[in-house]
Amino acid sequence: MKKDWIGEGAEALAREFKTPLYVYSRERLESAYSAYATAFASVPHRICYALKANPSLALLKVFAALGAGADIVSGGELKQALRAGFKPEDIVFSGVGKTDEELSLGLDTGIGEFNVESESELRRLSSFATARGARAFITLRVNPDVDPKSHPYISTGLRENKFGVPIEEAARILREARTLGGLEVSGVQCHIGSQLRDLGPATEAVRAIASLSRTLLAEGFALRTIDIGGGLGVDYDGTGAPTPAELAALVLPQIQGLGLKLLLEPGRSLVAAAGALLTRVVAIKMNGNKRFIIADAGMNDLLRPSLYSAYHHIENLSRAEGTPVVTADIVGPVCESGDFFAKDRAILEPSEGDLLAVLDAGAYSFSMASNYNFRPRAAEVLLEVGRPRLIRRRETFEDLTSCEIE
């Protein structure tokens, strides 16, 4: 059962730390990382955890201790990665809109690579590096115009998306980069989207950047990396998802003979299944024939269902098998019709006060949380060898008002 890791002891956690509550499993984090490390062990590689999936310090320290690198997309994420113990040289700075301040911070920190996404960024980075007498290692993010066959909001490799440069322009842009001061071309990168369930598009994209890398090597570029991004899907709905081993079986033949270090930037597939959101049922109501189960967690705690119509499996932890099953909308208290976790979902019939677990909530849950309706963000707990450790306290009203100036 999906709930096995969170079911036992969940009620005690909810009583001690209150709800809503994010709960993570260290064992599951380490297992997910090990699956990648094993799958790609035959080639030089670096697994760079994508902080955007979940930037909680305690989780980052787990991955840093395992030897992971970090994929960051803001100055704040860079500072958090350093705080967690990631080595600067193992950090990749991605993102389509890096500010002057963020480029300068990356240079001053001495990060491993900048994933450059435009000619403008290339020139700005050159200017800042030259002024410092520094060298910036750059990987150019290319857009191979490959459909990832996922939700359009998390598709990033199509020509219509804002990310990267058209792959057919990449060689020209990198030739220009060689003429600019302060830059050293490290390689090329692509990331076609998130929650990839079909590995065909990913294979096509890797084939494209491997071909580009061969062209550049033949022109005398001293490349050192090939970066295939992240995006491997997870099994939210019980229908299966590809594994790192399956990804490796398709990717490794494409890069054979290049002699380049492989960079990967997984996020969701490292943390999603290691997290759950615990929430109490506060009310049950009928509007005509429509049943609503109202929980104390809302869209401010887990935005994905509202934003993407994303599926999360939900278990009633307070009821045993054999309890009657009802069909209901499972919703939150936020004053938006979009505040829901599931629509017309079958679930063991709850009573007010029952404890629900929204599963596979380790990725893009806390990291996308907000204070909408002036709601404090929930606490986070990490389970280590079965023992809970509070890794972020629940916010207070004073936290919400601490930046205001009267």
Foldseek 3Di string as FASTA:
>chain_A
DLCVVCLPCVVVVCVVANPQEKEFELVLLVVLVVLLCVLPVVFFAAEAEECLFPLQLVSLLSQVVVVHHHEYAAQVSVVSNVVSPHQQLRYEHEYADYDLVSLLVNQVSVHNEYAYADLVVLQSNLVSQVVVVAAHEYAFEEQDQFALPDFPVFFARHPPHSGHYHLVCVVVSVVVSVVGHRYAYAAYEYDGGAQRQDCPRLLVVLLSRLVVLVVVVVVPRPYAEYESEEHFHDCQPPPDGDTSNVNSVSNVVSNPPSNHYYYYHYYLSSFLQRMKTKWFFADWDDDDPAIEGETADKCLQPVCCLPRVDAWDKAFSQDDPPADKDFHWYAYDAPDPSIGRDHRDIYRDDDGGTMMIGGSHGTRGQSRHDCVVNNWHGWYWYQDPNDIDTSGHTDDSCNVCVPDDD
